[in-house]
C-alpha cells in the first residue's frame, strides 16, 4: 500500500480525506506523523497556499503529498473570510471565536443576502519539484445562519445552512456530509486522476 502524506495537522481533515481515499488502497498519513512543521501560508489564493503546503510536506518526507486549502466565502463580505478562514478572529483563533466574529460581522445582514460557499482546493504533488501538480477544486453553496445548530463537523459547519436539506452542515451525518461537501467534490475530481498516477 503506497503512502501519501496529507499536509495538514487538522485531524478532522485527515479523517475525512482518509475515509474518502480508502477505495484507492492508499495509506494516508498526516504530516504530523513525520514531524513535519507547519509552513507559513504566504499565498494570496487557495491554490497558492495548497501548493506551498504540498511542496513543503513532499520535500521533508520524500513522499507524494496531498494538501488541502479550504475556507468559507461569504458573498455579502466580498468573499471574506476566504483564505483567512482558519484565523479569521486572530492568531489564536478557535472554531468558536471565528464563528462568533462571523455572526457578529453579519448581524445586520438580512436573510436574503446571507449566501456563502465553502471552497476546497486539493493539490497532489508526486515530489517537491513536481512540475505538473494535480489541482482540483470543489464548492458547496449554502447560507450563513444567525445561530449555531448541530454538533458534527468542525470549523464553520454549525452556521453553514444547507438550504435543500434545511439543516446546517453540523447537523449532517458524516456519511452524508462526505457526499455533499466541497472537500468531497474536490476529491471526486482528484480520485480518478490519482488512480492514473498509481
C-alpha atoms as a PDB file:
ATOM      1  CA  UNK A   1       0.000   0.000   0.000  1.00  0.00           C
ATOM      2  CA  UNK A   2       1.577   3.291  -1.047  1.00  0.00           C
ATOM      3  CA  UNK A   3       1.812   6.128   1.414  1.00  0.00           C
ATOM      4  CA  UNK A   4       0.668   9.661   0.734  1.00  0.00           C
ATOM      5  CA  UNK A   5       1.353  12.441   3.182  1.00  0.00           C
ATOM      6  CA  UNK A   6      -1.559  14.679   3.989  1.00  0.00           C
ATOM      7  CA  UNK A   7      -0.204  18.169   4.537  1.00  0.00           C
ATOM      8  CA  UNK A   8      -2.394  19.221   7.432  1.00  0.00           C
ATOM      9  CA  UNK A   9      -2.385  18.998  11.182  1.00  0.00           C
ATOM     10  CA  UNK A  10      -6.190  19.203  11.264  1.00  0.00           C
ATOM     11  CA  UNK A  11      -7.357  15.772  12.433  1.00  0.00           C
ATOM     12  CA  UNK A  12     -10.854  16.455  11.113  1.00  0.00           C
ATOM     13  CA  UNK A  13      -9.469  16.818   7.603  1.00  0.00           C
ATOM     14  CA  UNK A  14      -7.201  13.759   7.988  1.00  0.00           C
ATOM     15  CA  UNK A  15     -10.152  11.540   8.933  1.00  0.00           C
ATOM     16  CA  UNK A  16     -12.396  12.961   6.209  1.00  0.00           C
ATOM     17  CA  UNK A  17      -9.801  12.552   3.447  1.00  0.00           C
ATOM     18  CA  UNK A  18      -8.555   9.154   4.603  1.00  0.00           C
ATOM     19  CA  UNK A  19     -12.078   7.715   4.530  1.00  0.00           C
ATOM     20  CA  UNK A  20     -12.746   9.159   1.067  1.00  0.00           C
ATOM     21  CA  UNK A  21      -9.447   7.810  -0.317  1.00  0.00           C
ATOM     22  CA  UNK A  22      -9.929   4.355   1.209  1.00  0.00           C
ATOM     23  CA  UNK A  23     -11.162   2.776  -2.083  1.00  0.00           C
ATOM     24  CA  UNK A  24      -7.787   3.566  -3.710  1.00  0.00           C
ATOM     25  CA  UNK A  25      -5.976   1.468  -1.079  1.00  0.00           C
ATOM     26  CA  UNK A  26      -3.795   4.430  -0.199  1.00  0.00           C
ATOM     27  CA  UNK A  27      -2.252   4.832   3.207  1.00  0.00           C
ATOM     28  CA  UNK A  28      -2.977   8.466   4.039  1.00  0.00           C
ATOM     29  CA  UNK A  29      -0.720   9.665   6.833  1.00  0.00           C
ATOM     30  CA  UNK A  30      -0.871  13.076   8.482  1.00  0.00           C
ATOM     31  CA  UNK A  31       2.313  15.116   8.160  1.00  0.00           C
ATOM     32  CA  UNK A  32       2.473  15.273  11.978  1.00  0.00           C
ATOM     33  CA  UNK A  33       3.405  11.562  11.932  1.00  0.00           C
ATOM     34  CA  UNK A  34       6.617  12.611  10.172  1.00  0.00           C
ATOM     35  CA  UNK A  35       7.166  15.609  12.472  1.00  0.00           C
ATOM     36  CA  UNK A  36       6.644  17.976   9.540  1.00  0.00           C
ATOM     37  CA  UNK A  37       6.292  21.501  10.935  1.00  0.00           C
ATOM     38  CA  UNK A  38       3.602  23.813   9.620  1.00  0.00           C
ATOM     39  CA  UNK A  39       4.733  26.098   6.819  1.00  0.00           C
ATOM     40  CA  UNK A  40       3.683  29.757   6.607  1.00  0.00           C
ATOM     41  CA  UNK A  41       0.746  30.115   4.219  1.00  0.00           C
ATOM     42  CA  UNK A  42       2.001  33.144   2.351  1.00  0.00           C
ATOM     43  CA  UNK A  43      -0.119  32.708  -0.774  1.00  0.00           C
ATOM     44  CA  UNK A  44      -2.927  35.064  -1.729  1.00  0.00           C
ATOM     45  CA  UNK A  45      -5.200  32.303  -3.087  1.00  0.00           C
ATOM     46  CA  UNK A  46      -6.362  28.851  -2.014  1.00  0.00           C
ATOM     47  CA  UNK A  47      -4.367  27.349  -4.919  1.00  0.00           C
ATOM     48  CA  UNK A  48      -1.097  29.044  -3.911  1.00  0.00           C
ATOM     49  CA  UNK A  49      -1.446  28.001  -0.274  1.00  0.00           C
ATOM     50  CA  UNK A  50      -2.250  24.388  -1.163  1.00  0.00           C
ATOM     51  CA  UNK A  51       0.837  24.191  -3.410  1.00  0.00           C
ATOM     52  CA  UNK A  52       3.039  25.689  -0.672  1.00  0.00           C
ATOM     53  CA  UNK A  53       1.808  23.075   1.826  1.00  0.00           C
ATOM     54  CA  UNK A  54       2.080  20.106  -0.559  1.00  0.00           C
ATOM     55  CA  UNK A  55       5.589  21.044  -1.678  1.00  0.00           C
ATOM     56  CA  UNK A  56       6.750  21.513   1.929  1.00  0.00           C
ATOM     57  CA  UNK A  57       5.414  18.101   3.017  1.00  0.00           C
ATOM     58  CA  UNK A  58       6.846  16.325  -0.048  1.00  0.00           C
ATOM     59  CA  UNK A  59      10.241  17.959   0.465  1.00  0.00           C
ATOM     60  CA  UNK A  60      10.558  16.946   4.117  1.00  0.00           C
ATOM     61  CA  UNK A  61       9.134  13.424   3.841  1.00  0.00           C
ATOM     62  CA  UNK A  62      10.342  12.448   0.360  1.00  0.00           C
ATOM     63  CA  UNK A  63       6.831  11.090  -0.305  1.00  0.00           C
ATOM     64  CA  UNK A  64       3.937  12.206  -2.506  1.00  0.00           C
ATOM     65  CA  UNK A  65       1.753  14.744  -0.741  1.00  0.00           C
ATOM     66  CA  UNK A  66      -1.796  15.993  -0.848  1.00  0.00           C
ATOM     67  CA  UNK A  67      -2.569  19.418   0.558  1.00  0.00           C
ATOM     68  CA  UNK A  68      -5.924  20.970   1.060  1.00  0.00           C
ATOM     69  CA  UNK A  69      -6.590  24.654   1.380  1.00  0.00           C
ATOM     70  CA  UNK A  70     -10.149  25.457   2.108  1.00  0.00           C
ATOM     71  CA  UNK A  71     -12.310  28.114   3.593  1.00  0.00           C
ATOM     72  CA  UNK A  72     -15.574  29.949   3.648  1.00  0.00           C
ATOM     73  CA  UNK A  73     -16.524  32.754   1.265  1.00  0.00           C
ATOM     74  CA  UNK A  74     -19.434  34.987   2.241  1.00  0.00           C
ATOM     75  CA  UNK A  75     -20.802  36.954  -0.699  1.00  0.00           C
ATOM     76  CA  UNK A  76     -22.003  39.933   1.394  1.00  0.00           C
ATOM     77  CA  UNK A  77     -18.479  40.226   2.849  1.00  0.00           C
ATOM     78  CA  UNK A  78     -16.801  40.331  -0.589  1.00  0.00           C
ATOM     79  CA  UNK A  79     -15.619  36.738  -0.179  1.00  0.00           C
ATOM     80  CA  UNK A  80     -14.281  37.070   3.383  1.00  0.00           C
ATOM     81  CA  UNK A  81     -13.076  35.295   5.429  1.00  0.00           C
ATOM     82  CA  UNK A  82     -11.706  33.407   2.384  1.00  0.00           C
ATOM     83  CA  UNK A  83      -8.104  32.246   2.711  1.00  0.00           C
ATOM     84  CA  UNK A  84      -8.084  33.642   6.252  1.00  0.00           C
ATOM     85  CA  UNK A  85     -10.973  31.422   7.399  1.00  0.00           C
ATOM     86  CA  UNK A  86      -8.924  29.463   9.968  1.00  0.00           C
ATOM     87  CA  UNK A  87      -7.519  32.618  11.568  1.00  0.00           C
ATOM     88  CA  UNK A  88     -10.416  34.996  10.929  1.00  0.00           C
ATOM     89  CA  UNK A  89     -10.598  36.067  14.574  1.00  0.00           C
ATOM     90  CA  UNK A  90      -6.832  36.447  15.026  1.00  0.00           C
ATOM     91  CA  UNK A  91      -3.650  34.439  15.542  1.00  0.00           C
ATOM     92  CA  UNK A  92      -5.095  32.414  18.430  1.00  0.00           C
ATOM     93  CA  UNK A  93      -8.389  31.779  16.665  1.00  0.00           C
ATOM     94  CA  UNK A  94     -10.576  28.799  17.535  1.00  0.00           C
ATOM     95  CA  UNK A  95     -13.598  27.491  15.657  1.00  0.00           C
ATOM     96  CA  UNK A  96     -15.807  29.219  18.227  1.00  0.00           C
ATOM     97  CA  UNK A  97     -14.090  32.628  18.107  1.00  0.00           C
ATOM     98  CA  UNK A  98     -14.226  32.544  14.299  1.00  0.00           C
ATOM     99  CA  UNK A  99     -17.955  31.743  14.350  1.00  0.00           C
ATOM    100  CA  UNK A 100     -18.579  34.466  16.926  1.00  0.00           C
ATOM    101  CA  UNK A 101     -16.788  37.050  14.783  1.00  0.00           C
ATOM    102  CA  UNK A 102     -18.629  35.966  11.634  1.00  0.00           C
ATOM    103  CA  UNK A 103     -22.074  36.117  13.253  1.00  0.00           C
ATOM    104  CA  UNK A 104     -21.278  39.495  14.802  1.00  0.00           C
ATOM    105  CA  UNK A 105     -19.988  40.891  11.494  1.00  0.00           C
ATOM    106  CA  UNK A 106     -23.155  39.689   9.748  1.00  0.00           C
ATOM    107  CA  UNK A 107     -25.686  40.660  12.429  1.00  0.00           C
ATOM    108  CA  UNK A 108     -27.273  43.382  10.256  1.00  0.00           C
ATOM    109  CA  UNK A 109     -27.251  41.398   7.004  1.00  0.00           C
ATOM    110  CA  UNK A 110     -30.779  40.227   6.069  1.00  0.00           C
ATOM    111  CA  UNK A 111     -31.534  36.555   5.459  1.00  0.00           C
ATOM    112  CA  UNK A 112     -31.948  37.199   1.726  1.00  0.00           C
ATOM    113  CA  UNK A 113     -28.288  38.259   1.476  1.00  0.00           C
ATOM    114  CA  UNK A 114     -26.518  35.617   3.563  1.00  0.00           C
ATOM    115  CA  UNK A 115     -25.297  33.420   0.675  1.00  0.00           C
ATOM    116  CA  UNK A 116     -21.961  31.706   1.198  1.00  0.00           C
ATOM    117  CA  UNK A 117     -19.920  28.822  -0.115  1.00  0.00           C
ATOM    118  CA  UNK A 118     -17.265  26.532   1.171  1.00  0.00           C
ATOM    119  CA  UNK A 119     -14.269  26.241  -1.172  1.00  0.00           C
ATOM    120  CA  UNK A 120     -11.722  23.424  -1.243  1.00  0.00           C
ATOM    121  CA  UNK A 121      -8.596  23.225  -3.376  1.00  0.00           C
ATOM    122  CA  UNK A 122      -6.697  19.925  -3.310  1.00  0.00           C
ATOM    123  CA  UNK A 123      -3.198  19.683  -4.707  1.00  0.00           C
ATOM    124  CA  UNK A 124      -1.346  16.409  -5.279  1.00  0.00           C
ATOM    125  CA  UNK A 125       2.414  16.539  -5.838  1.00  0.00           C
ATOM    126  CA  UNK A 126       4.453  13.433  -6.667  1.00  0.00           C
ATOM    127  CA  UNK A 127       7.559  15.111  -5.254  1.00  0.00           C
ATOM    128  CA  UNK A 128       8.657  18.582  -4.191  1.00  0.00           C
ATOM    129  CA  UNK A 129       9.681  19.619  -7.717  1.00  0.00           C
ATOM    130  CA  UNK A 130       6.631  18.167  -9.478  1.00  0.00           C
ATOM    131  CA  UNK A 131       6.180  20.492 -12.495  1.00  0.00           C
ATOM    132  CA  UNK A 132       2.585  19.356 -13.081  1.00  0.00           C
ATOM    133  CA  UNK A 133       0.782  19.042  -9.751  1.00  0.00           C
ATOM    134  CA  UNK A 134      -2.817  17.891  -9.941  1.00  0.00           C
ATOM    135  CA  UNK A 135      -5.117  20.697  -8.801  1.00  0.00           C
ATOM    136  CA  UNK A 136      -8.817  20.086  -8.119  1.00  0.00           C
ATOM    137  CA  UNK A 137     -11.463  22.406  -6.741  1.00  0.00           C
ATOM    138  CA  UNK A 138     -14.814  21.850  -5.082  1.00  0.00           C
ATOM    139  CA  UNK A 139     -17.564  24.228  -3.974  1.00  0.00           C
ATOM    140  CA  UNK A 140     -20.518  23.820  -1.613  1.00  0.00           C
ATOM    141  CA  UNK A 141     -23.170  26.529  -1.738  1.00  0.00           C
ATOM    142  CA  UNK A 142     -25.213  27.489   1.280  1.00  0.00           C
ATOM    143  CA  UNK A 143     -26.171  30.327   3.590  1.00  0.00           C
ATOM    144  CA  UNK A 144     -24.979  31.639   6.937  1.00  0.00           C
ATOM    145  CA  UNK A 145     -27.457  31.149   9.778  1.00  0.00           C
ATOM    146  CA  UNK A 146     -27.961  33.585  12.661  1.00  0.00           C
ATOM    147  CA  UNK A 147     -27.490  30.915  15.350  1.00  0.00           C
ATOM    148  CA  UNK A 148     -25.393  27.755  15.709  1.00  0.00           C
ATOM    149  CA  UNK A 149     -27.027  24.373  15.190  1.00  0.00           C
ATOM    150  CA  UNK A 150     -25.528  20.858  15.331  1.00  0.00           C
ATOM    151  CA  UNK A 151     -22.515  19.182  16.882  1.00  0.00           C
ATOM    152  CA  UNK A 152     -20.912  17.302  13.986  1.00  0.00           C
ATOM    153  CA  UNK A 153     -18.063  18.521  11.799  1.00  0.00           C
ATOM    154  CA  UNK A 154     -15.695  21.379  12.566  1.00  0.00           C
ATOM    155  CA  UNK A 155     -14.945  24.939  11.546  1.00  0.00           C
ATOM    156  CA  UNK A 156     -17.965  26.904  10.356  1.00  0.00           C
ATOM    157  CA  UNK A 157     -20.212  23.830   9.999  1.00  0.00           C
ATOM    158  CA  UNK A 158     -22.651  24.896  12.784  1.00  0.00           C
ATOM    159  CA  UNK A 159     -23.551  28.142  10.949  1.00  0.00           C
ATOM    160  CA  UNK A 160     -23.484  26.844   7.357  1.00  0.00           C
ATOM    161  CA  UNK A 161     -27.051  26.158   6.262  1.00  0.00           C
ATOM    162  CA  UNK A 162     -27.601  23.592   3.505  1.00  0.00           C
ATOM    163  CA  UNK A 163     -30.832  25.064   2.068  1.00  0.00           C
ATOM    164  CA  UNK A 164     -32.034  21.991   0.189  1.00  0.00           C
ATOM    165  CA  UNK A 165     -31.838  19.924   3.390  1.00  0.00           C
ATOM    166  CA  UNK A 166     -32.999  22.620   5.808  1.00  0.00           C
ATOM    167  CA  UNK A 167     -30.187  21.963   8.270  1.00  0.00           C
ATOM    168  CA  UNK A 168     -26.619  23.031   8.940  1.00  0.00           C
ATOM    169  CA  UNK A 169     -23.562  21.087   7.894  1.00  0.00           C
ATOM    170  CA  UNK A 170     -23.004  20.295  11.587  1.00  0.00           C
ATOM    171  CA  UNK A 171     -26.382  18.515  11.718  1.00  0.00           C
ATOM    172  CA  UNK A 172     -25.476  16.092   8.922  1.00  0.00           C
ATOM    173  CA  UNK A 173     -24.289  12.546   9.457  1.00  0.00           C
ATOM    174  CA  UNK A 174     -20.645  12.191   8.462  1.00  0.00           C
ATOM    175  CA  UNK A 175     -21.520   9.906   5.526  1.00  0.00           C
ATOM    176  CA  UNK A 176     -23.984  12.457   4.166  1.00  0.00           C
ATOM    177  CA  UNK A 177     -21.541  15.336   4.552  1.00  0.00           C
ATOM    178  CA  UNK A 178     -18.882  13.282   2.755  1.00  0.00           C
ATOM    179  CA  UNK A 179     -21.165  13.107  -0.294  1.00  0.00           C
ATOM    180  CA  UNK A 180     -22.079  16.801  -0.401  1.00  0.00           C
ATOM    181  CA  UNK A 181     -19.123  18.791   0.862  1.00  0.00           C
ATOM    182  CA  UNK A 182     -16.675  20.973  -1.017  1.00  0.00           C
ATOM    183  CA  UNK A 183     -13.929  18.536   0.014  1.00  0.00           C
ATOM    184  CA  UNK A 184     -15.938  15.597  -1.339  1.00  0.00           C
ATOM    185  CA  UNK A 185     -16.368  17.364  -4.681  1.00  0.00           C
ATOM    186  CA  UNK A 186     -12.676  18.233  -4.945  1.00  0.00           C
ATOM    187  CA  UNK A 187     -11.772  14.652  -4.004  1.00  0.00           C
ATOM    188  CA  UNK A 188     -14.225  13.225  -6.529  1.00  0.00           C
ATOM    189  CA  UNK A 189     -12.270  15.126  -9.167  1.00  0.00           C
ATOM    190  CA  UNK A 190      -8.912  14.075  -7.719  1.00  0.00           C
ATOM    191  CA  UNK A 191      -9.506  10.335  -7.223  1.00  0.00           C
ATOM    192  CA  UNK A 192      -9.684   9.294 -10.912  1.00  0.00           C
ATOM    193  CA  UNK A 193      -6.525  11.308 -11.643  1.00  0.00           C
ATOM    194  CA  UNK A 194      -4.747   9.754  -8.657  1.00  0.00           C
ATOM    195  CA  UNK A 195      -5.762   6.301  -9.875  1.00  0.00           C
ATOM    196  CA  UNK A 196      -3.978   7.057 -13.170  1.00  0.00           C
ATOM    197  CA  UNK A 197      -0.838   8.094 -11.276  1.00  0.00           C
ATOM    198  CA  UNK A 198      -0.606   4.859  -9.267  1.00  0.00           C
END
